Amino acid sequence: MKRLKTKARAGMILFIFGVLLSGCGQNNFPAEGIITENKEPAKEKADGSNTLVYAGENESTINPVLTYHDELTDIIFSGLMKYDGNGRPVADLAESYEYDAENFTYTFHLRKGVKWHDGEMFDAEDVVFTYRALIEDDTLSSSLTSDYEDIVRVEAIDDNTVEIQLDHYNAAILGYFTMGILPEHLLKGEDMNTTAFNQAPVGTGRYKFQEWDMAGGMILLVRNEYYYGKVPNIERLIYKTVAVESTKATMLESGEADLAWLNAGYANNFRDRENYRTWDFSTADYRGASMDMKSDFWSRNSDSIGVLNYALDKDSIVASVLNGQGEAAYSPIQKNPLGSNPAANIYSYNLVKFDEEMEKLGWKKGTDGIYERNGERFHFTIQTRDYEEERVDIANIMSAMLKQAGVEMEVVLVTRFDWSAGYDGFLAGFATPFDPDMAYKQFVTGASDNTMSYSNERVDRLLEEGRHTEDEKRRRELYGEFEEVFSQNPGVLLVAYLKGNYVGSSAVDGLDTVRVLGHHAVGVMWNIEDWRITR
């Protein structure tokens, strides 16, 4: 496909921007914001040349208490803390904080003069409202609540001071205080799950929401000229809601997008090409078949998940599907600073060993070459979203390898995951890029993101102790033991960790690959205020 020249691309973006602005007149955003430290807002002609078009993900909700792996919540909202490039939590809406170890209490001293994007003042009551929603609202449909279950009290001492008390020491909680704060004046009395705010968010962050063209699949953001930190260089961001991976690549090729996360195969097509740049981030994002322990098949046969690892040539999958942009996976916290215990890497690709272990478990091959036990064939179903080509390829190769070994993994393509249809699992992706406690809500019995109902008493104990242990050396030991226990009794048939391959126009500059990214390579915009686009 012929590539558009810079002038043509700028014209296209100007056209898109003009269409979006045509319906913006009814938004009640402030004409002025707070100016701190004698900082004047940047002035720039709105001609489309300083607009970044980002081919992102499908979106339905922009609310930080409901969606945690999302670029948009990170740049529209601000938290008490934020992650720096090295993944460490540092002060953000809080200028400073103290910790009272005796009473497990954090005292946050908030920035003064911060305004919401609608012009209302931010204060301590907004913080109280946000965290009380997480710990007190029983109707909240959120996978995050287990991150905050140690909070017992949230109190505004004055307009600029908040106390948050825990019932235990929690090693990960400062990182969880990076979650975006919500405006009480807009959400008090609202149903957080269904409020219209979720499609018209108002935050205090670097960019403010302007319009959501759902029919056109575009979300328009404009920079917050009165942001309390560094005001971004790029004036406007058009976030295209795109599900299909090939569509993102086509948009980059035609000039309809300036930047996108692509799977390794598509990204490889742009390497060393004129007018394009590629950035390869490290991620903590793994792929594997997550088994639904509620299904009839796994309720009877969960003892036979781990042995399947012997039948998978994971290095071959990395080399083929991922074009070498990744590595074989053996632990759900393998890419975490406190993870990667080599003692948990207990499986290798070995079909002879696979047969031996299957025999020990009581499985016998039937006349058709498929293993059977107690009159039941080793056949299970894994749902995979049809538009995620990389996951489909991984699932299909897994299926072929397992079939060769005598196990049937049926890949069922779906448009969206259906948790009530009776499938035995799904082709999953998760990440723990920051504290390893991020695995708590996925694997502790009954935790808020444990969608597959995994349960193991030793895992529960280790993750609970890891969360509440202060000594880092001891924490490393606990998480290393968790990795070993999980490898022996896994809930996920792990396959590979992915690199985060971003492709963009050569006009885009400033992306910093120091950050380890999360699920779906989220986190790339951690330093978006430093990005530039030069047309």
Protein backbone atom coordinates (compact mmCIF):
# COMPACT_ATOMS: atom_id res chain seq x y z
CA MET A 1 0.00 0.00 0.00
CA LYS A 2 1.32 3.42 -0.96
CA ARG A 3 2.46 5.50 1.98
CA LEU A 4 1.06 9.00 2.33
CA LYS A 5 3.49 11.89 2.40
CA THR A 6 3.74 14.02 5.51
CA LYS A 7 1.68 16.85 4.06
CA ALA A 8 -1.15 14.50 3.12
CA ARG A 9 -1.11 12.86 6.54
CA ALA A 10 -1.30 16.19 8.29
CA GLY A 11 -4.25 17.12 6.09
CA MET A 12 -6.04 13.92 6.97
CA ILE A 13 -5.54 14.48 10.68
CA LEU A 14 -6.79 18.06 10.36
CA PHE A 15 -9.91 16.74 8.63
CA ILE A 16 -10.54 14.18 11.43
CA PHE A 17 -9.95 16.82 14.07
CA GLY A 18 -12.38 19.20 12.40
CA VAL A 19 -15.10 16.57 12.26
CA LEU A 20 -14.65 15.81 15.95
CA LEU A 21 -14.74 19.45 17.00
CA SER A 22 -17.97 20.06 15.12
CA GLY A 23 -19.95 18.53 17.99
CA CYS A 24 -17.93 19.79 20.96
CA GLY A 25 -19.87 22.92 21.77
CA GLN A 26 -21.98 21.44 24.57
CA ASN A 27 -19.11 20.23 26.75
CA ASN A 28 -18.79 22.32 29.90
CA PHE A 29 -15.03 22.46 30.33
CA PRO A 30 -13.37 25.44 32.01
CA ALA A 31 -12.13 28.39 30.02
CA GLU A 32 -9.44 28.85 32.62
CA GLY A 33 -7.56 26.66 35.08
CA ILE A 34 -5.22 27.17 37.96
CA ILE A 35 -1.75 28.49 37.11
CA THR A 36 0.92 27.48 39.59
CA GLU A 37 4.53 28.47 39.91
CA ASN A 38 3.95 31.39 37.50
CA LYS A 39 3.52 28.88 34.68
CA GLU A 40 1.75 30.25 31.61
CA PRO A 41 -0.27 27.85 29.48
CA ALA A 42 1.22 27.04 26.10
CA LYS A 43 -0.32 28.86 23.13
CA GLU A 44 -0.45 27.09 19.82
CA LYS A 45 -2.46 27.34 16.65
CA ALA A 46 -4.97 24.47 16.39
CA ASP A 47 -4.06 23.50 12.83
CA GLY A 48 -3.82 19.73 13.26
CA SER A 49 -0.04 19.60 12.96
CA ASN A 50 0.33 19.01 16.70
CA THR A 51 -2.21 16.20 16.91
CA LEU A 52 -1.23 12.61 17.62
CA VAL A 53 -3.49 9.87 16.29
CA TYR A 54 -3.08 6.74 18.39
CA ALA A 55 -4.55 3.41 17.29
CA GLY A 56 -5.51 2.05 20.67
CA GLU A 57 -7.82 -0.61 22.08
CA ASN A 58 -11.55 -1.06 22.16
CA GLU A 59 -12.99 1.01 25.00
CA SER A 60 -16.37 1.14 26.70
CA THR A 61 -15.52 2.70 30.05
CA ILE A 62 -12.95 5.26 31.19
CA ASN A 63 -13.01 5.08 34.98
CA PRO A 64 -9.92 4.15 37.02
CA VAL A 65 -11.83 2.22 39.69
CA LEU A 66 -13.30 -0.03 36.98
CA THR A 67 -10.50 -0.36 34.41
CA TYR A 68 -6.91 -0.73 35.52
CA HIS A 69 -4.96 -1.57 32.35
CA ASP A 70 -5.82 1.45 30.26
CA GLU A 71 -3.71 4.24 28.80
CA LEU A 72 -6.62 6.69 28.89
CA THR A 73 -7.24 6.51 32.64
CA ASP A 74 -3.53 7.12 33.23
CA ILE A 75 -3.44 10.38 31.30
CA ILE A 76 -6.92 11.75 32.11
CA PHE A 77 -6.75 11.07 35.85
CA SER A 78 -4.08 11.53 38.51
CA GLY A 79 -3.46 9.48 41.63
CA LEU A 80 -2.04 10.32 45.01
CA MET A 81 1.08 8.64 43.64
CA LYS A 82 2.34 7.80 40.15
CA TYR A 83 4.89 5.34 38.79
CA ASP A 84 8.17 6.73 37.54
CA GLY A 85 10.11 5.23 34.63
CA ASN A 86 11.62 2.58 36.88
CA GLY A 87 8.24 1.46 38.16
CA ARG A 88 8.61 3.08 41.58
CA PRO A 89 5.67 4.97 43.14
CA VAL A 90 6.43 8.67 43.64
CA ALA A 91 4.26 11.56 44.82
CA ASP A 92 1.74 13.04 42.38
CA LEU A 93 -1.48 14.67 43.67
CA ALA A 94 0.16 14.21 47.03
CA GLU A 95 3.10 16.57 47.38
CA SER A 96 4.38 14.45 50.25
CA TYR A 97 3.33 11.76 52.69
CA GLU A 98 4.29 10.19 56.02
CA TYR A 99 3.78 6.67 57.28
CA ASP A 100 3.00 5.86 60.91
CA ALA A 101 4.26 2.28 61.24
CA GLU A 102 2.70 1.78 64.66
CA ASN A 103 -0.82 2.54 63.41
CA PHE A 104 -0.34 1.48 59.76
CA THR A 105 -1.47 4.96 58.69
CA TYR A 106 -0.46 7.05 55.68
CA THR A 107 -0.91 10.81 55.84
CA PHE A 108 -0.97 12.47 52.42
CA HIS A 109 -0.40 16.21 52.02
CA LEU A 110 -2.16 17.23 48.82
CA ARG A 111 -1.15 19.78 46.21
CA LYS A 112 -2.98 23.07 46.63
CA GLY A 113 -4.73 24.84 43.79
CA VAL A 114 -5.36 21.79 41.60
CA LYS A 115 -8.56 21.96 39.55
CA TRP A 116 -10.64 19.31 37.90
CA HIS A 117 -10.95 19.60 34.12
CA ASP A 118 -14.40 21.19 34.62
CA GLY A 119 -12.96 23.97 36.75
CA GLU A 120 -14.02 22.74 40.20
CA MET A 121 -11.39 22.58 42.92
CA PHE A 122 -9.80 19.26 43.86
CA ASP A 123 -9.59 18.54 47.59
CA ALA A 124 -9.29 15.82 50.19
CA GLU A 125 -12.97 14.87 50.01
CA ASP A 126 -12.41 13.61 46.46
CA VAL A 127 -9.76 11.22 47.77
CA VAL A 128 -12.06 10.03 50.55
CA PHE A 129 -14.91 9.52 48.08
CA THR A 130 -12.75 7.48 45.70
CA TYR A 131 -11.34 5.08 48.26
CA ARG A 132 -14.59 4.65 50.11
CA ALA A 133 -16.19 3.63 46.83
CA LEU A 134 -13.59 0.88 46.53
CA ILE A 135 -13.88 -0.44 50.07
CA GLU A 136 -17.55 0.24 50.94
CA ASP A 137 -19.61 -0.01 47.74
CA ASP A 138 -20.75 -3.64 47.59
CA THR A 139 -22.34 -3.06 44.18
CA LEU A 140 -19.06 -1.97 42.56
CA SER A 141 -18.18 -4.27 39.67
CA SER A 142 -14.41 -3.98 39.80
CA SER A 143 -11.51 -6.40 39.60
CA LEU A 144 -9.44 -4.04 41.78
CA THR A 145 -11.08 -4.28 45.17
CA SER A 146 -8.70 -6.92 46.56
CA ASP A 147 -5.85 -4.43 46.16
CA TYR A 148 -7.49 -2.21 48.79
CA GLU A 149 -8.96 -4.74 51.22
CA ASP A 150 -6.47 -3.79 53.96
CA ILE A 151 -7.86 -0.23 54.16
CA VAL A 152 -10.01 0.27 57.27
CA ARG A 153 -10.31 4.07 57.42
CA VAL A 154 -10.12 7.01 54.99
CA GLU A 155 -10.51 10.45 56.50
CA ALA A 156 -10.06 14.05 55.37
CA ILE A 157 -8.20 15.94 58.11
CA ASP A 158 -8.62 19.21 56.23
CA ASP A 159 -9.00 20.26 52.59
CA ASN A 160 -5.40 19.31 51.80
CA THR A 161 -4.71 16.38 54.13
CA VAL A 162 -5.93 12.79 54.00
CA GLU A 163 -5.30 9.88 56.34
CA ILE A 164 -5.61 6.30 55.12
CA GLN A 165 -5.31 3.61 57.77
CA LEU A 166 -4.66 -0.08 57.11
CA ASP A 167 -5.20 -3.07 59.36
CA HIS A 168 -1.82 -4.57 58.36
CA TYR A 169 1.43 -3.41 56.90
CA ASN A 170 1.00 -3.69 53.12
CA ALA A 171 4.17 -3.72 51.01
CA ALA A 172 2.34 -2.91 47.77
CA ILE A 173 -0.13 -0.25 48.84
CA LEU A 174 1.89 2.80 47.74
CA GLY A 175 1.75 1.46 44.20
CA TYR A 176 -2.00 1.00 44.47
CA PHE A 177 -2.31 4.64 45.51
CA THR A 178 -1.39 5.46 41.89
CA MET A 179 -5.01 4.77 40.93
CA GLY A 180 -6.77 7.87 39.58
CA ILE A 181 -8.85 9.97 41.97
CA LEU A 182 -12.48 10.64 41.04
CA PRO A 183 -14.47 13.90 41.40
CA GLU A 184 -17.01 13.63 44.22
CA HIS A 185 -19.05 16.55 42.90
CA LEU A 186 -19.83 14.64 39.69
CA LEU A 187 -20.22 11.12 41.04
CA LYS A 188 -21.78 11.39 44.50
CA GLY A 189 -25.03 9.40 44.45
CA GLU A 190 -24.28 7.89 41.04
CA ASP A 191 -24.11 4.17 40.27
CA MET A 192 -20.40 3.86 39.54
CA ASN A 193 -20.97 0.92 37.22
CA THR A 194 -23.45 2.64 34.90
CA THR A 195 -22.94 6.40 35.29
CA ALA A 196 -22.63 8.47 32.11
CA PHE A 197 -19.38 9.78 33.60
CA ASN A 198 -17.74 6.57 32.41
CA GLN A 199 -18.09 7.80 28.83
CA ALA A 200 -17.40 11.48 29.61
CA PRO A 201 -14.67 11.41 32.27
CA VAL A 202 -13.36 14.43 34.15
CA GLY A 203 -9.98 14.16 35.84
CA THR A 204 -7.02 16.26 36.93
CA GLY A 205 -4.45 14.67 34.60
CA ARG A 206 -2.30 15.73 31.69
CA TYR A 207 -5.06 15.42 29.09
CA LYS A 208 -8.75 16.20 29.35
CA PHE A 209 -11.58 14.44 27.62
CA GLN A 210 -13.33 16.44 24.90
CA GLU A 211 -15.55 14.09 22.91
CA TRP A 212 -16.27 10.42 22.22
CA ASP A 213 -17.44 9.70 18.68
CA MET A 214 -18.60 6.13 19.24
CA ALA A 215 -19.87 5.67 15.70
CA GLY A 216 -16.53 6.81 14.30
CA GLY A 217 -14.48 5.00 16.91
CA MET A 218 -12.61 8.10 18.08
CA ILE A 219 -11.99 9.67 21.47
CA LEU A 220 -10.65 13.23 21.41
CA LEU A 221 -8.44 14.53 24.21
CA VAL A 222 -6.84 17.96 24.52
CA ARG A 223 -3.92 18.75 26.75
CA ASN A 224 -4.60 20.27 30.13
CA GLU A 225 -3.00 23.69 29.73
CA TYR A 226 -3.16 24.19 33.49
CA TYR A 227 -1.78 20.84 34.55
CA TYR A 228 0.17 21.13 37.80
CA GLY A 229 3.16 19.28 36.33
CA LYS A 230 4.79 19.61 32.95
CA VAL A 231 2.21 20.50 30.29
CA PRO A 232 2.50 18.06 27.36
CA ASN A 233 4.11 19.22 24.13
CA ILE A 234 1.47 17.50 21.99
CA GLU A 235 -1.71 19.55 21.93
CA ARG A 236 -4.33 16.99 20.94
CA LEU A 237 -4.65 13.22 21.08
CA ILE A 238 -7.10 11.32 18.90
CA TYR A 239 -7.48 7.85 20.38
CA LYS A 240 -8.89 5.43 17.81
CA THR A 241 -10.77 2.51 19.33
CA VAL A 242 -9.48 -0.38 17.23
CA ALA A 243 -9.86 -4.09 18.02
CA VAL A 244 -8.46 -5.80 14.93
CA GLU A 245 -4.67 -6.03 14.86
CA SER A 246 -4.40 -5.92 11.06
CA THR A 247 -6.45 -2.70 11.04
CA LYS A 248 -3.88 -0.96 13.24
CA ALA A 249 -1.11 -1.94 10.85
CA THR A 250 -3.14 -0.71 7.87
CA MET A 251 -3.80 2.61 9.62
CA LEU A 252 -0.08 3.13 10.16
CA GLU A 253 0.62 2.17 6.56
CA SER A 254 -1.93 4.62 5.16
CA GLY A 255 -1.08 7.46 7.52
CA GLU A 256 -4.38 7.27 9.42
CA ALA A 257 -2.47 6.67 12.66
CA ASP A 258 0.81 7.98 14.04
CA LEU A 259 1.43 5.31 16.68
CA ALA A 260 0.20 1.85 17.63
CA TRP A 261 1.10 -1.25 19.60
CA LEU A 262 1.38 -4.08 17.07
CA ASN A 263 1.94 -7.77 17.45
CA ALA A 264 5.46 -8.93 16.65
CA GLY A 265 4.63 -10.06 13.12
CA TYR A 266 3.09 -6.78 12.02
CA ALA A 267 5.75 -4.74 13.79
CA ASN A 268 8.45 -6.64 11.92
CA ASN A 269 7.02 -5.39 8.61
CA PHE A 270 7.87 -1.80 9.58
CA ARG A 271 11.41 -2.31 10.82
CA ASP A 272 14.08 -0.29 9.00
CA ARG A 273 11.49 1.32 6.73
CA GLU A 274 11.74 4.93 5.75
CA ASN A 275 9.32 7.28 7.57
CA TYR A 276 8.70 4.80 10.41
CA ARG A 277 10.19 4.12 13.82
CA THR A 278 9.91 1.11 16.12
CA TRP A 279 10.28 0.92 19.90
CA ASP A 280 10.69 -2.43 21.66
CA PHE A 281 9.67 -2.30 25.31
CA SER A 282 10.12 -4.99 27.90
CA THR A 283 6.78 -6.13 29.30
CA ALA A 284 5.51 -8.35 32.09
CA ASP A 285 2.71 -9.49 29.76
CA TYR A 286 2.30 -13.25 29.41
CA ARG A 287 0.10 -15.45 27.26
CA GLY A 288 -1.28 -18.82 28.23
CA ALA A 289 -4.40 -20.93 28.54
CA SER A 290 -6.13 -19.93 31.78
CA MET A 291 -8.21 -22.86 32.96
CA ASP A 292 -11.69 -22.35 34.39
CA MET A 293 -11.68 -24.37 37.61
CA LYS A 294 -15.48 -24.13 37.72
CA SER A 295 -15.80 -26.23 34.57
CA ASP A 296 -16.76 -29.88 34.91
CA PHE A 297 -13.64 -31.04 33.08
CA TRP A 298 -11.12 -29.24 35.29
CA SER A 299 -13.03 -29.97 38.47
CA ARG A 300 -12.17 -33.61 37.74
CA ASN A 301 -8.79 -33.19 36.05
CA SER A 302 -6.97 -30.14 37.46
CA ASP A 303 -4.12 -32.42 38.56
CA SER A 304 -3.21 -32.79 34.88
CA ILE A 305 -2.68 -29.15 33.89
CA GLY A 306 1.01 -28.90 34.78
CA VAL A 307 2.03 -31.99 32.80
CA LEU A 308 0.80 -30.33 29.59
CA ASN A 309 3.89 -28.11 29.72
CA TYR A 310 6.02 -31.07 28.61
CA ALA A 311 4.05 -31.19 25.33
CA LEU A 312 4.63 -27.54 24.37
CA ASP A 313 7.69 -26.38 22.48
CA LYS A 314 7.47 -22.85 23.85
CA ASP A 315 10.73 -21.67 22.30
CA SER A 316 9.36 -22.63 18.90
CA ILE A 317 6.21 -20.60 19.54
CA VAL A 318 8.30 -17.57 20.53
CA ALA A 319 10.45 -17.93 17.42
CA SER A 320 7.53 -18.35 15.03
CA VAL A 321 4.49 -16.45 16.28
CA LEU A 322 6.47 -13.77 18.13
CA ASN A 323 9.35 -13.49 15.65
CA GLY A 324 11.67 -13.94 18.61
CA GLN A 325 10.16 -10.92 20.37
CA GLY A 326 9.60 -12.63 23.70
CA GLU A 327 10.63 -15.58 25.83
CA ALA A 328 9.21 -18.86 27.11
CA ALA A 329 7.09 -18.50 30.24
CA TYR A 330 7.20 -20.63 33.38
CA SER A 331 5.89 -18.28 36.11
CA PRO A 332 3.15 -15.63 36.33
CA ILE A 333 5.62 -13.24 38.01
CA GLN A 334 8.65 -14.26 35.96
CA LYS A 335 9.31 -10.70 34.71
CA ASN A 336 8.88 -9.13 38.12
CA PRO A 337 11.91 -7.84 40.06
CA LEU A 338 11.01 -10.19 42.93
CA GLY A 339 10.16 -13.11 40.64
CA SER A 340 12.03 -15.33 38.16
CA ASN A 341 12.93 -18.16 40.55
CA PRO A 342 14.78 -20.73 38.35
CA ALA A 343 13.63 -23.51 40.67
CA ALA A 344 10.10 -22.94 39.33
CA ASN A 345 11.23 -23.67 35.78
CA ILE A 346 10.52 -27.39 36.15
CA TYR A 347 9.17 -28.28 32.69
CA SER A 348 10.95 -28.73 29.39
CA TYR A 349 9.66 -29.76 26.00
CA ASN A 350 9.91 -33.53 26.27
CA LEU A 351 7.25 -35.80 24.79
CA VAL A 352 8.78 -38.91 26.35
CA LYS A 353 8.58 -37.30 29.79
CA PHE A 354 5.03 -36.21 28.97
CA ASP A 355 3.97 -39.78 28.27
CA GLU A 356 5.64 -41.01 31.46
CA GLU A 357 3.91 -38.40 33.62
CA MET A 358 0.54 -39.02 31.97
CA GLU A 359 0.87 -42.71 32.77
CA LYS A 360 1.59 -41.85 36.40
CA LEU A 361 -1.59 -39.78 36.50
CA GLY A 362 -3.61 -42.72 35.23
CA TRP A 363 -4.14 -41.58 31.63
CA LYS A 364 -4.04 -44.19 28.85
CA LYS A 365 -4.06 -43.56 25.11
CA GLY A 366 -7.18 -44.69 23.33
CA THR A 367 -7.31 -46.29 19.90
CA ASP A 368 -7.46 -42.83 18.30
CA GLY A 369 -4.29 -41.69 20.09
CA ILE A 370 -6.07 -39.41 22.57
CA TYR A 371 -5.53 -39.99 26.28
CA GLU A 372 -8.43 -41.22 28.40
CA ARG A 373 -9.00 -41.61 32.14
CA ASN A 374 -12.02 -42.99 33.94
CA GLY A 375 -13.83 -43.23 30.62
CA GLU A 376 -13.23 -39.56 29.77
CA ARG A 377 -11.17 -38.26 26.84
CA PHE A 378 -8.61 -35.54 27.52
CA HIS A 379 -10.56 -32.90 25.60
CA PHE A 380 -11.08 -29.31 26.75
CA THR A 381 -12.19 -26.04 25.12
CA ILE A 382 -10.37 -22.72 25.15
CA GLN A 383 -12.15 -19.58 23.92
CA THR A 384 -10.05 -17.05 22.03
CA ARG A 385 -11.12 -13.69 20.65
CA ASP A 386 -11.10 -13.92 16.87
CA TYR A 387 -9.66 -10.46 16.23
CA GLU A 388 -6.54 -11.02 18.35
CA GLU A 389 -4.49 -12.69 15.64
CA GLU A 390 -1.44 -13.30 17.77
CA ARG A 391 -3.48 -15.08 20.45
CA VAL A 392 -5.31 -17.11 17.81
CA ASP A 393 -1.98 -18.21 16.35
CA ILE A 394 -0.63 -19.13 19.78
CA ALA A 395 -3.78 -21.08 20.61
CA ASN A 396 -3.77 -22.96 17.32
CA ILE A 397 -0.11 -23.97 17.64
CA MET A 398 -0.69 -25.05 21.24
CA SER A 399 -3.61 -27.13 20.03
CA ALA A 400 -1.53 -28.79 17.29
CA MET A 401 1.32 -29.58 19.68
CA LEU A 402 -1.01 -31.02 22.30
CA LYS A 403 -2.86 -33.07 19.68
CA GLN A 404 0.45 -34.59 18.59
CA ALA A 405 1.03 -35.58 22.23
CA GLY A 406 -2.44 -37.07 22.65
CA VAL A 407 -4.52 -34.23 24.11
CA GLU A 408 -7.33 -32.31 22.42
CA MET A 409 -7.43 -28.58 23.14
CA GLU A 410 -10.32 -27.27 21.07
CA VAL A 411 -9.90 -23.60 20.14
CA VAL A 412 -13.24 -21.79 19.96
CA LEU A 413 -13.14 -18.36 18.30
CA VAL A 414 -15.44 -15.78 19.86
CA THR A 415 -15.99 -12.06 19.30
CA ARG A 416 -16.06 -11.44 23.04
CA PHE A 417 -15.43 -13.72 25.98
CA ASP A 418 -18.54 -15.53 27.20
CA TRP A 419 -18.05 -16.63 30.81
CA SER A 420 -21.35 -18.50 31.03
CA ALA A 421 -21.11 -20.60 27.86
CA GLY A 422 -19.36 -23.53 29.52
CA TYR A 423 -15.88 -23.23 28.01
CA ASP A 424 -13.02 -24.78 29.98
CA GLY A 425 -10.83 -21.67 29.84
CA PHE A 426 -9.58 -18.86 27.64
CA LEU A 427 -6.37 -17.74 25.95
CA ALA A 428 -5.33 -15.26 28.58
CA GLY A 429 -2.91 -12.45 29.13
CA PHE A 430 -1.94 -10.89 32.46
CA ALA A 431 0.95 -8.88 33.82
CA THR A 432 2.63 -7.95 37.11
CA PRO A 433 4.99 -5.14 36.03
CA PHE A 434 5.24 -3.46 39.45
CA ASP A 435 4.94 -5.16 42.83
CA PRO A 436 4.49 -8.97 42.69
CA ASP A 437 1.44 -8.49 44.91
CA MET A 438 -0.38 -7.72 41.64
CA ALA A 439 -0.75 -11.53 41.43
CA TYR A 440 -2.78 -11.54 44.66
CA LYS A 441 -6.07 -10.54 43.09
CA GLN A 442 -5.61 -13.11 40.29
CA PHE A 443 -4.75 -16.21 42.28
CA VAL A 444 -5.90 -15.89 45.90
CA THR A 445 -9.09 -17.84 46.54
CA GLY A 446 -12.11 -15.60 45.98
CA ALA A 447 -10.04 -12.51 45.10
CA SER A 448 -11.52 -9.80 42.90
CA ASP A 449 -9.73 -10.68 39.62
CA ASN A 450 -9.70 -14.46 40.13
CA THR A 451 -12.15 -15.00 37.29
CA MET A 452 -11.19 -18.65 36.79
CA SER A 453 -11.72 -19.60 40.47
CA TYR A 454 -8.18 -20.90 41.01
CA SER A 455 -7.67 -22.05 44.59
CA ASN A 456 -4.64 -23.38 46.41
CA GLU A 457 -4.16 -23.06 50.16
CA ARG A 458 -0.36 -22.74 49.93
CA VAL A 459 -0.65 -20.07 47.24
CA ASP A 460 -3.13 -18.17 49.42
CA ARG A 461 -0.78 -18.31 52.40
CA LEU A 462 2.32 -17.26 50.45
CA LEU A 463 0.66 -14.34 48.68
CA GLU A 464 -0.98 -13.19 51.90
CA GLU A 465 2.35 -13.29 53.74
CA GLY A 466 4.17 -11.66 50.84
CA ARG A 467 1.73 -8.74 50.90
CA HIS A 468 2.22 -8.17 54.62
CA THR A 469 5.99 -8.70 54.90
CA GLU A 470 8.26 -5.66 55.12
CA ASP A 471 11.69 -7.25 54.64
CA GLU A 472 12.46 -7.40 50.90
CA LYS A 473 14.74 -10.42 51.20
CA ARG A 474 11.99 -12.36 52.93
CA ARG A 475 9.47 -11.20 50.33
CA ARG A 476 11.71 -12.50 47.55
CA GLU A 477 11.83 -15.88 49.31
CA LEU A 478 8.05 -15.97 49.67
CA TYR A 479 7.39 -15.09 46.04
CA GLY A 480 10.02 -17.58 44.90
CA GLU A 481 8.20 -20.26 46.89
CA PHE A 482 4.90 -19.11 45.36
CA GLU A 483 6.41 -19.62 41.90
CA GLU A 484 7.44 -23.16 42.81
CA VAL A 485 4.08 -24.07 44.31
CA PHE A 486 2.20 -22.59 41.34
CA SER A 487 4.37 -24.43 38.83
CA GLN A 488 3.49 -27.73 40.51
CA ASN A 489 -0.23 -26.93 40.59
CA PRO A 490 -0.83 -24.26 37.93
CA GLY A 491 -4.08 -22.65 36.93
CA VAL A 492 -2.57 -21.32 33.71
CA LEU A 493 -0.75 -23.25 31.02
CA LEU A 494 1.87 -20.56 30.48
CA VAL A 495 3.42 -20.14 27.05
CA ALA A 496 5.32 -16.90 26.49
CA TYR A 497 6.12 -13.38 27.59
CA LEU A 498 5.83 -10.73 24.89
CA LYS A 499 7.92 -7.74 23.99
CA GLY A 500 5.94 -4.52 23.63
CA ASN A 501 6.44 -3.62 19.97
CA TYR A 502 5.34 -0.07 19.14
CA VAL A 503 5.44 1.35 15.64
CA GLY A 504 5.03 4.98 14.75
CA SER A 505 5.60 7.68 12.21
CA SER A 506 9.12 9.07 12.12
CA ALA A 507 7.49 12.37 13.10
CA VAL A 508 6.88 10.99 16.62
CA ASP A 509 9.65 11.30 19.18
CA GLY A 510 10.11 11.02 22.93
CA LEU A 511 8.93 7.49 23.80
CA ASP A 512 11.13 6.16 26.61
CA THR A 513 11.62 2.38 26.68
CA VAL A 514 12.96 2.31 30.26
CA ARG A 515 9.51 1.39 31.61
CA VAL A 516 8.48 -2.26 31.86
CA LEU A 517 4.98 -2.28 30.40
CA GLY A 518 1.88 -4.15 31.53
CA HIS A 519 -0.88 -6.18 29.92
CA HIS A 520 -1.41 -5.24 26.26
CA ALA A 521 1.84 -3.25 26.59
CA VAL A 522 -0.02 -0.61 28.60
CA GLY A 523 2.08 2.14 30.16
CA VAL A 524 3.77 3.49 27.05
CA MET A 525 2.33 6.96 27.77
CA TRP A 526 4.00 7.21 31.17
CA ASN A 527 6.07 10.16 29.86
CA ILE A 528 3.70 11.47 27.19
CA GLU A 529 4.34 15.04 28.35
CA ASP A 530 7.83 14.69 26.81
CA TRP A 531 6.65 13.39 23.43
CA ARG A 532 6.75 15.55 20.33
CA ILE A 533 5.31 15.25 16.86
CA THR A 534 6.99 17.18 14.09
CA ARG A 535 5.28 17.29 10.71
